[in-house]
Amino acid sequence: MARRRDIVQDWIDGETLVDWVRPQGGVVGFPRLDVDAGFDLDRFYTRLLEEHGTYVGPGHWFEMPKRFFRLGFGWPTEAELRGGLDAISAALRS
């Protein structure tokens, strides 16, 4: 699981619109979207699922602001994880 957490960290290091407090253990993190106040978060989550086939848990489900999202990285294969991270980046810019 440390390897998968490193994959997510590498993606975050290269993704200017996302940051997080790296979890010390486990297989779930809560990245934060570093977007302008006018960014349509609802549209982002819809696009992510409908156009990119990627699903994350919006922060408001966990009593956090919508700009946070729950990202699980334990279950998907490494290729699926990388694909999902790429989809998040794409949905942020589409």
PDB file of N, CA and C in Angstrom:
ATOM      1  N   MET A   1       0.817  -1.191   0.000  1.00  0.00           N
ATOM      2  CA  MET A   1       0.000   0.000   0.000  1.00  0.00           C
ATOM      3  C   MET A   1       0.870   1.268   0.000  1.00  0.00           C
ATOM      4  N   ALA A   2       2.057   1.165   0.550  1.00  0.00           N
ATOM      5  CA  ALA A   2       2.967   2.320   0.530  1.00  0.00           C
ATOM      6  C   ALA A   2       3.287   2.705  -0.912  1.00  0.00           C
ATOM      7  N   ARG A   3       3.437   1.719  -1.782  1.00  0.00           N
ATOM      8  CA  ARG A   3       3.719   1.994  -3.196  1.00  0.00           C
ATOM      9  C   ARG A   3       2.560   2.769  -3.831  1.00  0.00           C
ATOM     10  N   ARG A   4       1.354   2.377  -3.539  1.00  0.00           N
ATOM     11  CA  ARG A   4       0.185   3.069  -4.095  1.00  0.00           C
ATOM     12  C   ARG A   4       0.073   4.494  -3.547  1.00  0.00           C
ATOM     13  N   ARG A   5       0.369   4.655  -2.280  1.00  0.00           N
ATOM     14  CA  ARG A   5       0.371   6.004  -1.691  1.00  0.00           C
ATOM     15  C   ARG A   5       1.432   6.862  -2.380  1.00  0.00           C
ATOM     16  N   ASP A   6       2.575   6.248  -2.716  1.00  0.00           N
ATOM     17  CA  ASP A   6       3.622   6.967  -3.450  1.00  0.00           C
ATOM     18  C   ASP A   6       3.155   7.363  -4.847  1.00  0.00           C
ATOM     19  N   ILE A   7       2.375   6.507  -5.497  1.00  0.00           N
ATOM     20  CA  ILE A   7       1.823   6.839  -6.817  1.00  0.00           C
ATOM     21  C   ILE A   7       0.948   8.078  -6.712  1.00  0.00           C
ATOM     22  N   VAL A   8       0.086   8.100  -5.696  1.00  0.00           N
ATOM     23  CA  VAL A   8      -0.783   9.260  -5.498  1.00  0.00           C
ATOM     24  C   VAL A   8       0.066  10.496  -5.186  1.00  0.00           C
ATOM     25  N   GLN A   9       1.076  10.339  -4.358  1.00  0.00           N
ATOM     26  CA  GLN A   9       1.935  11.471  -4.013  1.00  0.00           C
ATOM     27  C   GLN A   9       2.650  12.025  -5.251  1.00  0.00           C
ATOM     28  N   ASP A  10       3.148  11.134  -6.096  1.00  0.00           N
ATOM     29  CA  ASP A  10       3.813  11.576  -7.334  1.00  0.00           C
ATOM     30  C   ASP A  10       2.850  12.360  -8.207  1.00  0.00           C
ATOM     31  N   TRP A  11       1.600  11.891  -8.297  1.00  0.00           N
ATOM     32  CA  TRP A  11       0.588  12.603  -9.089  1.00  0.00           C
ATOM     33  C   TRP A  11       0.321  13.976  -8.483  1.00  0.00           C
ATOM     34  N   ILE A  12       0.140  14.032  -7.179  1.00  0.00           N
ATOM     35  CA  ILE A  12      -0.140  15.305  -6.516  1.00  0.00           C
ATOM     36  C   ILE A  12       1.035  16.267  -6.681  1.00  0.00           C
ATOM     37  N   ASP A  13       2.241  15.754  -6.593  1.00  0.00           N
ATOM     38  CA  ASP A  13       3.425  16.604  -6.776  1.00  0.00           C
ATOM     39  C   ASP A  13       3.445  17.267  -8.148  1.00  0.00           C
ATOM     40  N   GLY A  14       2.857  16.606  -9.142  1.00  0.00           N
ATOM     41  CA  GLY A  14       2.826  17.152 -10.493  1.00  0.00           C
ATOM     42  C   GLY A  14       1.524  17.832 -10.884  1.00  0.00           C
ATOM     43  N   GLU A  15       0.528  17.776 -10.015  1.00  0.00           N
ATOM     44  CA  GLU A  15      -0.801  18.322 -10.317  1.00  0.00           C
ATOM     45  C   GLU A  15      -0.988  19.620  -9.543  1.00  0.00           C
ATOM     46  N   THR A  16      -0.933  20.739 -10.238  1.00  0.00           N
ATOM     47  CA  THR A  16      -0.977  22.045  -9.579  1.00  0.00           C
ATOM     48  C   THR A  16      -2.322  22.370  -8.942  1.00  0.00           C
ATOM     49  N   LEU A  17      -3.378  21.655  -9.309  1.00  0.00           N
ATOM     50  CA  LEU A  17      -4.712  21.973  -8.796  1.00  0.00           C
ATOM     51  C   LEU A  17      -5.161  21.071  -7.652  1.00  0.00           C
ATOM     52  N   VAL A  18      -4.252  20.245  -7.142  1.00  0.00           N
ATOM     53  CA  VAL A  18      -4.603  19.312  -6.063  1.00  0.00           C
ATOM     54  C   VAL A  18      -3.472  19.275  -5.040  1.00  0.00           C
ATOM     55  N   ASP A  19      -3.842  19.246  -3.760  1.00  0.00           N
ATOM     56  CA  ASP A  19      -2.855  19.006  -2.713  1.00  0.00           C
ATOM     57  C   ASP A  19      -3.485  18.121  -1.647  1.00  0.00           C
ATOM     58  N   TRP A  20      -2.694  17.692  -0.683  1.00  0.00           N
ATOM     59  CA  TRP A  20      -3.213  16.856   0.392  1.00  0.00           C
ATOM     60  C   TRP A  20      -2.249  16.823   1.551  1.00  0.00           C
ATOM     61  N   VAL A  21      -2.739  16.337   2.662  1.00  0.00           N
ATOM     62  CA  VAL A  21      -1.883  15.936   3.761  1.00  0.00           C
ATOM     63  C   VAL A  21      -1.722  14.435   3.590  1.00  0.00           C
ATOM     64  N   ARG A  22      -0.509  14.031   3.251  1.00  0.00           N
ATOM     65  CA  ARG A  22      -0.256  12.617   2.961  1.00  0.00           C
ATOM     66  C   ARG A  22      -0.587  11.761   4.182  1.00  0.00           C
ATOM     67  N   PRO A  23      -1.458  10.764   3.994  1.00  0.00           N
ATOM     68  CA  PRO A  23      -1.764   9.877   5.111  1.00  0.00           C
ATOM     69  C   PRO A  23      -0.534   9.030   5.474  1.00  0.00           C
ATOM     70  N   GLN A  24      -0.354   8.781   6.741  1.00  0.00           N
ATOM     71  CA  GLN A  24       0.788   7.978   7.201  1.00  0.00           C
ATOM     72  C   GLN A  24       0.542   6.482   7.023  1.00  0.00           C
ATOM     73  N   GLY A  25      -0.714   6.096   6.913  1.00  0.00           N
ATOM     74  CA  GLY A  25      -1.062   4.694   6.734  1.00  0.00           C
ATOM     75  C   GLY A  25      -2.435   4.597   6.092  1.00  0.00           C
ATOM     76  N   GLY A  26      -2.896   3.390   5.923  1.00  0.00           N
ATOM     77  CA  GLY A  26      -4.215   3.174   5.344  1.00  0.00           C
ATOM     78  C   GLY A  26      -4.213   3.295   3.834  1.00  0.00           C
ATOM     79  N   VAL A  27      -5.404   3.241   3.270  1.00  0.00           N
ATOM     80  CA  VAL A  27      -5.558   3.228   1.815  1.00  0.00           C
ATOM     81  C   VAL A  27      -6.540   4.296   1.330  1.00  0.00           C
ATOM     82  N   VAL A  28      -6.724   5.342   2.150  1.00  0.00           N
ATOM     83  CA  VAL A  28      -7.649   6.412   1.802  1.00  0.00           C
ATOM     84  C   VAL A  28      -6.991   7.749   2.128  1.00  0.00           C
ATOM     85  N   GLY A  29      -7.190   8.712   1.241  1.00  0.00           N
ATOM     86  CA  GLY A  29      -6.730  10.066   1.490  1.00  0.00           C
ATOM     87  C   GLY A  29      -7.833  11.049   1.143  1.00  0.00           C
ATOM     88  N   PHE A  30      -7.655  12.300   1.549  1.00  0.00           N
ATOM     89  CA  PHE A  30      -8.626  13.354   1.265  1.00  0.00           C
ATOM     90  C   PHE A  30      -7.923  14.533   0.590  1.00  0.00           C
ATOM     91  N   PRO A  31      -7.612  14.382  -0.707  1.00  0.00           N
ATOM     92  CA  PRO A  31      -7.011  15.508  -1.428  1.00  0.00           C
ATOM     93  C   PRO A  31      -7.963  16.706  -1.472  1.00  0.00           C
ATOM     94  N   ARG A  32      -7.367  17.877  -1.685  1.00  0.00           N
ATOM     95  CA  ARG A  32      -8.133  19.125  -1.780  1.00  0.00           C
ATOM     96  C   ARG A  32      -7.882  19.722  -3.153  1.00  0.00           C
ATOM     97  N   LEU A  33      -8.972  20.139  -3.795  1.00  0.00           N
ATOM     98  CA  LEU A  33      -8.874  20.822  -5.075  1.00  0.00           C
ATOM     99  C   LEU A  33      -8.507  22.274  -4.823  1.00  0.00           C
ATOM    100  N   ASP A  34      -7.419  22.707  -5.396  1.00  0.00           N
ATOM    101  CA  ASP A  34      -6.938  24.078  -5.237  1.00  0.00           C
ATOM    102  C   ASP A  34      -7.427  24.890  -6.432  1.00  0.00           C
ATOM    103  N   VAL A  35      -8.730  25.165  -6.423  1.00  0.00           N
ATOM    104  CA  VAL A  35      -9.388  25.839  -7.547  1.00  0.00           C
ATOM    105  C   VAL A  35      -9.990  27.157  -7.081  1.00  0.00           C
ATOM    106  N   ASP A  36     -10.279  28.026  -8.036  1.00  0.00           N
ATOM    107  CA  ASP A  36     -10.881  29.324  -7.735  1.00  0.00           C
ATOM    108  C   ASP A  36     -12.276  29.158  -7.142  1.00  0.00           C
ATOM    109  N   ALA A  37     -12.722  30.177  -6.438  1.00  0.00           N
ATOM    110  CA  ALA A  37     -14.041  30.143  -5.796  1.00  0.00           C
ATOM    111  C   ALA A  37     -15.164  29.915  -6.803  1.00  0.00           C
ATOM    112  N   GLY A  38     -15.014  30.368  -8.036  1.00  0.00           N
ATOM    113  CA  GLY A  38     -16.058  30.213  -9.038  1.00  0.00           C
ATOM    114  C   GLY A  38     -16.060  28.862  -9.739  1.00  0.00           C
ATOM    115  N   PHE A  39     -15.128  28.009  -9.414  1.00  0.00           N
ATOM    116  CA  PHE A  39     -15.050  26.682 -10.034  1.00  0.00           C
ATOM    117  C   PHE A  39     -16.282  25.879  -9.661  1.00  0.00           C
ATOM    118  N   ASP A  40     -16.935  25.276 -10.655  1.00  0.00           N
ATOM    119  CA  ASP A  40     -18.167  24.519 -10.424  1.00  0.00           C
ATOM    120  C   ASP A  40     -17.826  23.101  -9.956  1.00  0.00           C
ATOM    121  N   LEU A  41     -17.815  22.896  -8.653  1.00  0.00           N
ATOM    122  CA  LEU A  41     -17.443  21.600  -8.092  1.00  0.00           C
ATOM    123  C   LEU A  41     -18.447  20.514  -8.441  1.00  0.00           C
ATOM    124  N   ASP A  42     -19.740  20.839  -8.432  1.00  0.00           N
ATOM    125  CA  ASP A  42     -20.743  19.833  -8.795  1.00  0.00           C
ATOM    126  C   ASP A  42     -20.518  19.354 -10.221  1.00  0.00           C
ATOM    127  N   ARG A  43     -20.235  20.283 -11.112  1.00  0.00           N
ATOM    128  CA  ARG A  43     -19.985  19.920 -12.513  1.00  0.00           C
ATOM    129  C   ARG A  43     -18.723  19.066 -12.635  1.00  0.00           C
ATOM    130  N   PHE A  44     -17.698  19.397 -11.857  1.00  0.00           N
ATOM    131  CA  PHE A  44     -16.468  18.599 -11.860  1.00  0.00           C
ATOM    132  C   PHE A  44     -16.765  17.148 -11.502  1.00  0.00           C
ATOM    133  N   TYR A  45     -17.496  16.916 -10.395  1.00  0.00           N
ATOM    134  CA  TYR A  45     -17.790  15.547  -9.975  1.00  0.00           C
ATOM    135  C   TYR A  45     -18.650  14.813 -10.997  1.00  0.00           C
ATOM    136  N   THR A  46     -19.587  15.513 -11.622  1.00  0.00           N
ATOM    137  CA  THR A  46     -20.416  14.905 -12.660  1.00  0.00           C
ATOM    138  C   THR A  46     -19.572  14.539 -13.876  1.00  0.00           C
ATOM    139  N   ARG A  47     -18.743  15.463 -14.332  1.00  0.00           N
ATOM    140  CA  ARG A  47     -17.859  15.198 -15.480  1.00  0.00           C
ATOM    141  C   ARG A  47     -16.920  14.035 -15.195  1.00  0.00           C
ATOM    142  N   LEU A  48     -16.368  14.029 -13.984  1.00  0.00           N
ATOM    143  CA  LEU A  48     -15.427  12.976 -13.621  1.00  0.00           C
ATOM    144  C   LEU A  48     -16.069  11.601 -13.788  1.00  0.00           C
ATOM    145  N   LEU A  49     -17.296  11.467 -13.350  1.00  0.00           N
ATOM    146  CA  LEU A  49     -17.990  10.184 -13.449  1.00  0.00           C
ATOM    147  C   LEU A  49     -18.503   9.923 -14.859  1.00  0.00           C
ATOM    148  N   GLU A  50     -19.263  10.870 -15.412  1.00  0.00           N
ATOM    149  CA  GLU A  50     -19.944  10.622 -16.681  1.00  0.00           C
ATOM    150  C   GLU A  50     -19.007  10.622 -17.891  1.00  0.00           C
ATOM    151  N   GLU A  51     -18.001  11.488 -17.885  1.00  0.00           N
ATOM    152  CA  GLU A  51     -17.120  11.588 -19.048  1.00  0.00           C
ATOM    153  C   GLU A  51     -15.837  10.776 -18.907  1.00  0.00           C
ATOM    154  N   HIS A  52     -15.442  10.511 -17.668  1.00  0.00           N
ATOM    155  CA  HIS A  52     -14.160   9.842 -17.451  1.00  0.00           C
ATOM    156  C   HIS A  52     -14.284   8.516 -16.717  1.00  0.00           C
ATOM    157  N   GLY A  53     -15.487   8.169 -16.287  1.00  0.00           N
ATOM    158  CA  GLY A  53     -15.708   6.883 -15.636  1.00  0.00           C
ATOM    159  C   GLY A  53     -14.962   6.710 -14.322  1.00  0.00           C
ATOM    160  N   THR A  54     -14.726   7.811 -13.639  1.00  0.00           N
ATOM    161  CA  THR A  54     -13.973   7.771 -12.384  1.00  0.00           C
ATOM    162  C   THR A  54     -14.838   8.333 -11.265  1.00  0.00           C
ATOM    163  N   TYR A  55     -14.801   7.658 -10.138  1.00  0.00           N
ATOM    164  CA  TYR A  55     -15.676   8.009  -9.036  1.00  0.00           C
ATOM    165  C   TYR A  55     -14.862   8.240  -7.769  1.00  0.00           C
ATOM    166  N   VAL A  56     -15.073   9.381  -7.152  1.00  0.00           N
ATOM    167  CA  VAL A  56     -14.493   9.688  -5.845  1.00  0.00           C
ATOM    168  C   VAL A  56     -15.635  10.149  -4.942  1.00  0.00           C
ATOM    169  N   GLY A  57     -15.414  10.157  -3.659  1.00  0.00           N
ATOM    170  CA  GLY A  57     -16.437  10.620  -2.723  1.00  0.00           C
ATOM    171  C   GLY A  57     -16.271  12.096  -2.429  1.00  0.00           C
ATOM    172  N   PRO A  58     -17.210  12.945  -2.884  1.00  0.00           N
ATOM    173  CA  PRO A  58     -17.111  14.377  -2.587  1.00  0.00           C
ATOM    174  C   PRO A  58     -17.051  14.630  -1.078  1.00  0.00           C
ATOM    175  N   GLY A  59     -16.285  15.636  -0.704  1.00  0.00           N
ATOM    176  CA  GLY A  59     -16.052  15.924   0.704  1.00  0.00           C
ATOM    177  C   GLY A  59     -17.304  16.135   1.526  1.00  0.00           C
ATOM    178  N   HIS A  60     -18.346  16.717   0.925  1.00  0.00           N
ATOM    179  CA  HIS A  60     -19.541  16.995   1.726  1.00  0.00           C
ATOM    180  C   HIS A  60     -20.191  15.715   2.244  1.00  0.00           C
ATOM    181  N   TRP A  61     -19.897  14.575   1.643  1.00  0.00           N
ATOM    182  CA  TRP A  61     -20.392  13.308   2.166  1.00  0.00           C
ATOM    183  C   TRP A  61     -19.750  12.981   3.515  1.00  0.00           C
ATOM    184  N   PHE A  62     -18.620  13.593   3.789  1.00  0.00           N
ATOM    185  CA  PHE A  62     -17.837  13.294   4.985  1.00  0.00           C
ATOM    186  C   PHE A  62     -17.709  14.517   5.899  1.00  0.00           C
ATOM    187  N   GLU A  63     -18.684  15.416   5.778  1.00  0.00           N
ATOM    188  CA  GLU A  63     -18.732  16.643   6.567  1.00  0.00           C
ATOM    189  C   GLU A  63     -17.477  17.497   6.368  1.00  0.00           C
ATOM    190  N   MET A  64     -17.024  17.530   5.131  1.00  0.00           N
ATOM    191  CA  MET A  64     -15.888  18.356   4.724  1.00  0.00           C
ATOM    192  C   MET A  64     -16.360  19.233   3.562  1.00  0.00           C
ATOM    193  N   PRO A  65     -15.659  20.314   3.282  1.00  0.00           N
ATOM    194  CA  PRO A  65     -16.033  21.134   2.121  1.00  0.00           C
ATOM    195  C   PRO A  65     -15.967  20.326   0.823  1.00  0.00           C
ATOM    196  N   LYS A  66     -16.772  20.730  -0.167  1.00  0.00           N
ATOM    197  CA  LYS A  66     -16.842  20.011  -1.438  1.00  0.00           C
ATOM    198  C   LYS A  66     -15.517  19.961  -2.175  1.00  0.00           C
ATOM    199  N   ARG A  67     -14.617  20.892  -1.899  1.00  0.00           N
ATOM    200  CA  ARG A  67     -13.347  20.895  -2.624  1.00  0.00           C
ATOM    201  C   ARG A  67     -12.426  19.759  -2.181  1.00  0.00           C
ATOM    202  N   PHE A  68     -12.773  19.073  -1.083  1.00  0.00           N
ATOM    203  CA  PHE A  68     -12.063  17.859  -0.673  1.00  0.00           C
ATOM    204  C   PHE A  68     -12.782  16.654  -1.272  1.00  0.00           C
ATOM    205  N   PHE A  69     -12.045  15.593  -1.508  1.00  0.00           N
ATOM    206  CA  PHE A  69     -12.686  14.361  -1.958  1.00  0.00           C
ATOM    207  C   PHE A  69     -11.954  13.162  -1.374  1.00  0.00           C
ATOM    208  N   ARG A  70     -12.720  12.105  -1.187  1.00  0.00           N
ATOM    209  CA  ARG A  70     -12.155  10.863  -0.658  1.00  0.00           C
ATOM    210  C   ARG A  70     -11.592  10.079  -1.817  1.00  0.00           C
ATOM    211  N   LEU A  71     -10.332   9.721  -1.702  1.00  0.00           N
ATOM    212  CA  LEU A  71      -9.647   8.968  -2.740  1.00  0.00           C
ATOM    213  C   LEU A  71      -9.140   7.667  -2.132  1.00  0.00           C
ATOM    214  N   GLY A  72      -9.720   6.566  -2.574  1.00  0.00           N
ATOM    215  CA  GLY A  72      -9.244   5.261  -2.140  1.00  0.00           C
ATOM    216  C   GLY A  72      -8.201   4.755  -3.123  1.00  0.00           C
ATOM    217  N   PHE A  73      -7.088   4.242  -2.606  1.00  0.00           N
ATOM    218  CA  PHE A  73      -6.038   3.772  -3.509  1.00  0.00           C
ATOM    219  C   PHE A  73      -5.595   2.342  -3.201  1.00  0.00           C
ATOM    220  N   GLY A  74      -6.374   1.630  -2.430  1.00  0.00           N
ATOM    221  CA  GLY A  74      -6.014   0.261  -2.087  1.00  0.00           C
ATOM    222  C   GLY A  74      -6.593  -0.795  -3.001  1.00  0.00           C
ATOM    223  N   TRP A  75      -7.764  -0.559  -3.535  1.00  0.00           N
ATOM    224  CA  TRP A  75      -8.462  -1.593  -4.300  1.00  0.00           C
ATOM    225  C   TRP A  75      -8.088  -1.628  -5.769  1.00  0.00           C
ATOM    226  N   PRO A  76      -8.017  -0.501  -6.472  1.00  0.00           N
ATOM    227  CA  PRO A  76      -7.763  -0.621  -7.908  1.00  0.00           C
ATOM    228  C   PRO A  76      -6.359  -1.154  -8.174  1.00  0.00           C
ATOM    229  N   THR A  77      -6.206  -1.717  -9.367  1.00  0.00           N
ATOM    230  CA  THR A  77      -4.858  -2.091  -9.788  1.00  0.00           C
ATOM    231  C   THR A  77      -4.052  -0.806  -9.948  1.00  0.00           C
ATOM    232  N   GLU A  78      -2.750  -0.934 -10.034  1.00  0.00           N
ATOM    233  CA  GLU A  78      -1.925   0.262 -10.217  1.00  0.00           C
ATOM    234  C   GLU A  78      -2.293   0.983 -11.507  1.00  0.00           C
ATOM    235  N   ALA A  79      -2.574   0.228 -12.558  1.00  0.00           N
ATOM    236  CA  ALA A  79      -2.961   0.850 -13.832  1.00  0.00           C
ATOM    237  C   ALA A  79      -4.279   1.592 -13.696  1.00  0.00           C
ATOM    238  N   GLU A  80      -5.243   1.002 -12.982  1.00  0.00           N
ATOM    239  CA  GLU A  80      -6.528   1.672 -12.769  1.00  0.00           C
ATOM    240  C   GLU A  80      -6.354   2.917 -11.904  1.00  0.00           C
ATOM    241  N   LEU A  81      -5.497   2.830 -10.898  1.00  0.00           N
ATOM    242  CA  LEU A  81      -5.233   3.978 -10.047  1.00  0.00           C
ATOM    243  C   LEU A  81      -4.642   5.122 -10.864  1.00  0.00           C
ATOM    244  N   ARG A  82      -3.649   4.821 -11.662  1.00  0.00           N
ATOM    245  CA  ARG A  82      -3.029   5.850 -12.500  1.00  0.00           C
ATOM    246  C   ARG A  82      -4.044   6.437 -13.487  1.00  0.00           C
ATOM    247  N   GLY A  83      -4.882   5.579 -14.056  1.00  0.00           N
ATOM    248  CA  GLY A  83      -5.916   6.051 -14.970  1.00  0.00           C
ATOM    249  C   GLY A  83      -6.913   6.963 -14.278  1.00  0.00           C
ATOM    250  N   GLY A  84      -7.298   6.612 -13.060  1.00  0.00           N
ATOM    251  CA  GLY A  84      -8.216   7.454 -12.301  1.00  0.00           C
ATOM    252  C   GLY A  84      -7.612   8.808 -11.960  1.00  0.00           C
ATOM    253  N   LEU A  85      -6.350   8.813 -11.599  1.00  0.00           N
ATOM    254  CA  LEU A  85      -5.675  10.076 -11.293  1.00  0.00           C
ATOM    255  C   LEU A  85      -5.584  10.949 -12.543  1.00  0.00           C
ATOM    256  N   ASP A  86      -5.269  10.330 -13.679  1.00  0.00           N
ATOM    257  CA  ASP A  86      -5.246  11.077 -14.944  1.00  0.00           C
ATOM    258  C   ASP A  86      -6.628  11.632 -15.263  1.00  0.00           C
ATOM    259  N   ALA A  87      -7.667  10.862 -14.961  1.00  0.00           N
ATOM    260  CA  ALA A  87      -9.037  11.321 -15.215  1.00  0.00           C
ATOM    261  C   ALA A  87      -9.386  12.526 -14.355  1.00  0.00           C
ATOM    262  N   ILE A  88      -8.933  12.529 -13.104  1.00  0.00           N
ATOM    263  CA  ILE A  88      -9.178  13.676 -12.232  1.00  0.00           C
ATOM    264  C   ILE A  88      -8.534  14.922 -12.843  1.00  0.00           C
ATOM    265  N   SER A  89      -7.293  14.781 -13.279  1.00  0.00           N
ATOM    266  CA  SER A  89      -6.614  15.916 -13.917  1.00  0.00           C
ATOM    267  C   SER A  89      -7.365  16.395 -15.151  1.00  0.00           C
ATOM    268  N   ALA A  90      -7.830  15.452 -15.967  1.00  0.00           N
ATOM    269  CA  ALA A  90      -8.556  15.819 -17.178  1.00  0.00           C
ATOM    270  C   ALA A  90      -9.877  16.521 -16.843  1.00  0.00           C
ATOM    271  N   ALA A  91     -10.602  16.002 -15.856  1.00  0.00           N
ATOM    272  CA  ALA A  91     -11.894  16.600 -15.486  1.00  0.00           C
ATOM    273  C   ALA A  91     -11.712  18.004 -14.899  1.00  0.00           C
ATOM    274  N   LEU A  92     -10.594  18.248 -14.271  1.00  0.00           N
ATOM    275  CA  LEU A  92     -10.323  19.572 -13.731  1.00  0.00           C
ATOM    276  C   LEU A  92     -10.162  20.618 -14.839  1.00  0.00           C
ATOM    277  N   ARG A  93      -9.804  20.165 -16.016  1.00  0.00           N
ATOM    278  CA  ARG A  93      -9.472  21.081 -17.102  1.00  0.00           C
ATOM    279  C   ARG A  93     -10.468  21.042 -18.268  1.00  0.00           C
ATOM    280  N   SER A  94     -11.492  20.211 -18.178  1.00  0.00           N
ATOM    281  CA  SER A  94     -12.444  20.124 -19.308  1.00  0.00           C
ATOM    282  C   SER A  94     -13.665  20.988 -19.078  1.00  0.00           C
TER     283      SER A  94
END
